[in-house]
C-alpha atoms as a PDB file:
ATOM      1  CA  MET A   1     153.304 -35.237 -36.881  1.00  0.00           C
ATOM      2  CA  SER A   2     155.184 -37.795 -34.812  1.00  0.00           C
ATOM      3  CA  ASN A   3     154.220 -38.612 -31.288  1.00  0.00           C
ATOM      4  CA  ASN A   4     157.352 -38.028 -29.185  1.00  0.00           C
ATOM      5  CA  GLN A   5     157.299 -39.247 -25.647  1.00  0.00           C
ATOM      6  CA  ASN A   6     159.709 -37.855 -23.148  1.00  0.00           C
ATOM      7  CA  ASN A   7     161.835 -40.543 -21.625  1.00  0.00           C
ATOM      8  CA  LYS A   8     162.379 -39.190 -18.192  1.00  0.00           C
ATOM      9  CA  SER A   9     164.449 -40.995 -15.676  1.00  0.00           C
ATOM     10  CA  SER A  10     164.064 -40.041 -12.103  1.00  0.00           C
ATOM     11  CA  PHE A  11     166.593 -40.381  -9.375  1.00  0.00           C
ATOM     12  CA  SER A  12     165.865 -39.996  -5.732  1.00  0.00           C
ATOM     13  CA  MET A  13     168.202 -40.331  -2.805  1.00  0.00           C
ATOM     14  CA  SER A  14     167.839 -39.378   0.812  1.00  0.00           C
ATOM     15  CA  SER A  15     170.215 -39.377   3.716  1.00  0.00           C
ATOM     16  CA  SER A  16     170.101 -38.686   7.411  1.00  0.00           C
ATOM     17  CA  VAL A  17     172.782 -38.166  10.030  1.00  0.00           C
ATOM     18  CA  SER A  18     172.682 -38.341  13.810  1.00  0.00           C
ATOM     19  CA  PHE A  19     175.446 -37.692  16.328  1.00  0.00           C
ATOM     20  CA  SER A  20     175.686 -38.208  20.049  1.00  0.00           C
ATOM     21  CA  SER A  21     178.393 -37.898  22.639  1.00  0.00           C
ATOM     22  CA  SER A  22     178.658 -38.116  26.380  1.00  0.00           C
ATOM     23  CA  SER A  23     181.426 -37.635  28.894  1.00  0.00           C
ATOM     24  CA  THR A  24     181.854 -37.982  32.629  1.00  0.00           C
ATOM     25  CA  ALA A  25     184.586 -36.675  34.894  1.00  0.00           C
ATOM     26  CA  SER A  26     184.892 -37.967  38.430  1.00  0.00           C
ATOM     27  CA  ASN A  27     187.347 -37.997  41.310  1.00  0.00           C
ATOM     28  CA  ASN A  28     188.329 -41.232  42.975  1.00  0.00           C
ATOM     29  CA  ASN A  29     189.239 -41.667  46.654  1.00  0.00           C
ATOM     30  CA  ASN A  30     192.855 -40.659  45.980  1.00  0.00           C
ATOM     31  CA  GLY A  31     191.788 -37.339  44.479  1.00  0.00           C
ATOM     32  CA  ALA A  32     192.764 -38.379  40.962  1.00  0.00           C
ATOM     33  CA  GLN A  33     190.346 -37.416  38.256  1.00  0.00           C
ATOM     34  CA  SER A  34     189.151 -39.894  35.676  1.00  0.00           C
ATOM     35  CA  VAL A  35     187.379 -39.048  32.459  1.00  0.00           C
ATOM     36  CA  SER A  36     185.254 -41.360  30.375  1.00  0.00           C
ATOM     37  CA  GLY A  37     183.117 -40.762  27.364  1.00  0.00           C
ATOM     38  CA  THR A  38     181.783 -41.991  24.080  1.00  0.00           C
ATOM     39  CA  ARG A  39     180.904 -40.525  20.728  1.00  0.00           C
ATOM     40  CA  SER A  40     178.846 -42.089  18.022  1.00  0.00           C
ATOM     41  CA  SER A  41     177.402 -41.209  14.659  1.00  0.00           C
ATOM     42  CA  ARG A  42     174.965 -42.957  12.380  1.00  0.00           C
ATOM     43  CA  THR A  43     174.452 -42.003   8.752  1.00  0.00           C
ATOM     44  CA  SER A  44     171.967 -43.623   6.426  1.00  0.00           C
ATOM     45  CA  TYR A  45     171.652 -43.281   2.661  1.00  0.00           C
ATOM     46  CA  THR A  46     168.642 -44.484   0.709  1.00  0.00           C
ATOM     47  CA  ASP A  47     167.996 -44.698  -3.022  1.00  0.00           C
ATOM     48  CA  ALA A  48     165.960 -46.892  -5.368  1.00  0.00           C
ATOM     49  CA  SER A  49     168.341 -49.844  -5.034  1.00  0.00           C
ATOM     50  CA  GLY A  50     168.220 -49.935  -1.231  1.00  0.00           C
ATOM     51  CA  SER A  51     169.958 -48.330   1.695  1.00  0.00           C
ATOM     52  CA  ARG A  52     173.284 -48.185   3.457  1.00  0.00           C
ATOM     53  CA  VAL A  53     173.773 -47.458   7.166  1.00  0.00           C
ATOM     54  CA  VAL A  54     177.181 -46.409   8.503  1.00  0.00           C
ATOM     55  CA  SER A  55     177.728 -46.411  12.280  1.00  0.00           C
ATOM     56  CA  GLU A  56     180.874 -45.066  13.927  1.00  0.00           C
ATOM     57  CA  ASN A  57     181.586 -45.423  17.640  1.00  0.00           C
ATOM     58  CA  GLN A  58     184.471 -44.490  19.890  1.00  0.00           C
ATOM     59  CA  LYS A  59     185.078 -44.774  23.604  1.00  0.00           C
ATOM     60  CA  PHE A  60     187.428 -42.239  25.183  1.00  0.00           C
ATOM     61  CA  GLY A  61     191.019 -43.428  24.837  1.00  0.00           C
ATOM     62  CA  GLU A  62     190.166 -46.250  22.428  1.00  0.00           C
ATOM     63  CA  PRO A  63     190.313 -46.481  18.648  1.00  0.00           C
ATOM     64  CA  ALA A  64     187.200 -45.694  16.658  1.00  0.00           C
ATOM     65  CA  THR A  65     185.218 -48.469  14.991  1.00  0.00           C
ATOM     66  CA  ARG A  66     183.136 -48.231  11.827  1.00  0.00           C
ATOM     67  CA  GLU A  67     180.353 -50.582  10.790  1.00  0.00           C
ATOM     68  CA  GLU A  68     178.555 -50.494   7.462  1.00  0.00           C
ATOM     69  CA  ARG A  69     175.397 -52.424   6.639  1.00  0.00           C
ATOM     70  CA  ARG A  70     173.590 -52.579   3.302  1.00  0.00           C
ATOM     71  CA  TYR A  71     169.948 -53.410   2.658  1.00  0.00           C
ATOM     72  CA  ASP A  72     168.176 -54.126  -0.615  1.00  0.00           C
ATOM     73  CA  ALA A  73     165.061 -52.250  -1.770  1.00  0.00           C
ATOM     74  CA  GLN A  74     162.849 -54.702   0.167  1.00  0.00           C
ATOM     75  CA  GLY A  75     164.724 -54.023   3.416  1.00  0.00           C
ATOM     76  CA  ARG A  76     166.624 -57.312   3.562  1.00  0.00           C
ATOM     77  CA  GLN A  77     170.174 -57.060   4.818  1.00  0.00           C
ATOM     78  CA  MET A  78     172.741 -57.871   2.139  1.00  0.00           C
ATOM     79  CA  LEU A  79     175.405 -60.173   3.533  1.00  0.00           C
ATOM     80  CA  GLY A  80     178.907 -60.807   2.248  1.00  0.00           C
ATOM     81  CA  GLY A  81     180.490 -59.298  -0.833  1.00  0.00           C
ATOM     82  CA  GLY A  82     178.512 -56.116  -0.355  1.00  0.00           C
ATOM     83  CA  GLY A  83     181.425 -53.737  -0.237  1.00  0.00           C
ATOM     84  CA  GLY A  84     182.213 -54.273   3.431  1.00  0.00           C
ATOM     85  CA  ALA A  85     178.645 -54.901   4.519  1.00  0.00           C
ATOM     86  CA  GLY A  86     178.464 -55.773   8.171  1.00  0.00           C
ATOM     87  CA  ARG A  87     182.204 -55.372   8.630  1.00  0.00           C
ATOM     88  CA  ILE A  88     183.552 -53.616  11.698  1.00  0.00           C
ATOM     89  CA  GLU A  89     186.906 -51.982  11.146  1.00  0.00           C
ATOM     90  CA  ASP A  90     189.370 -49.946  13.182  1.00  0.00           C
ATOM     91  CA  VAL A  91     189.612 -46.452  11.705  1.00  0.00           C
ATOM     92  CA  SER A  92     192.131 -45.058  14.189  1.00  0.00           C
ATOM     93  CA  GLU A  93     194.968 -45.300  11.642  1.00  0.00           C
ATOM     94  CA  ASP A  94     192.947 -43.088   9.285  1.00  0.00           C
ATOM     95  CA  ASP A  95     192.514 -40.549  12.090  1.00  0.00           C
ATOM     96  CA  LYS A  96     196.239 -40.640  12.876  1.00  0.00           C
ATOM     97  CA  GLN A  97     197.120 -40.088   9.228  1.00  0.00           C
ATOM     98  CA  LYS A  98     194.681 -37.181   8.966  1.00  0.00           C
ATOM     99  CA  GLU A  99     196.328 -35.573  12.002  1.00  0.00           C
ATOM    100  CA  LYS A 100     199.804 -36.079  10.501  1.00  0.00           C
ATOM    101  CA  ASP A 101     198.610 -34.556   7.220  1.00  0.00           C
ATOM    102  CA  ARG A 102     197.110 -31.571   9.033  1.00  0.00           C
ATOM    103  CA  LEU A 103     200.341 -30.917  10.976  1.00  0.00           C
ATOM    104  CA  TYR A 104     202.396 -31.201   7.781  1.00  0.00           C
ATOM    105  CA  GLU A 105     200.142 -28.701   6.001  1.00  0.00           C
ATOM    106  CA  GLU A 106     200.478 -26.261   8.903  1.00  0.00           C
ATOM    107  CA  LYS A 107     204.287 -26.526   8.782  1.00  0.00           C
ATOM    108  CA  MET A 108     204.308 -25.964   5.028  1.00  0.00           C
ATOM    109  CA  GLU A 109     202.047 -22.928   5.362  1.00  0.00           C
ATOM    110  CA  ASP A 110     204.402 -21.510   8.002  1.00  0.00           C
ATOM    111  CA  GLU A 111     207.404 -22.081   5.720  1.00  0.00           C
ATOM    112  CA  TYR A 112     205.711 -20.337   2.801  1.00  0.00           C
ATOM    113  CA  ALA A 113     204.693 -17.461   5.047  1.00  0.00           C
ATOM    114  CA  LYS A 114     208.318 -17.060   6.204  1.00  0.00           C
ATOM    115  CA  ARG A 115     209.598 -17.023   2.625  1.00  0.00           C
ATOM    116  CA  GLU A 116     206.970 -14.559   1.447  1.00  0.00           C
ATOM    117  CA  GLY A 117     207.786 -12.320   4.387  1.00  0.00           C
ATOM    118  CA  GLY A 118     211.448 -12.265   3.399  1.00  0.00           C
ATOM    119  CA  ALA A 119     212.649 -14.296   6.364  1.00  0.00           C
END
């Protein structure tokens, strides 16, 4: 009888997400109200090859920024050529496009609803 060994490969990945936001509304001496605030999120992914941390931040009225950092399995930060590692980028255009796409989908749904209703 042959001695068969099971070749098992294991894969393990973990992730965590945290969000925070704050806002303040205040009146100035002229009675005008001003609003300020921030939102941020941090997501980390870990597997056998290392980890990736994505941070997104946005101040009220300003475009959002996204930063991604990669670390090897020993915890050393991987610099350059790491798929955008350590790069901060403006993601406001992505948000604008998502909003345009959402509005377009709503209009199309309304058009289909009109046609189905015999209008």
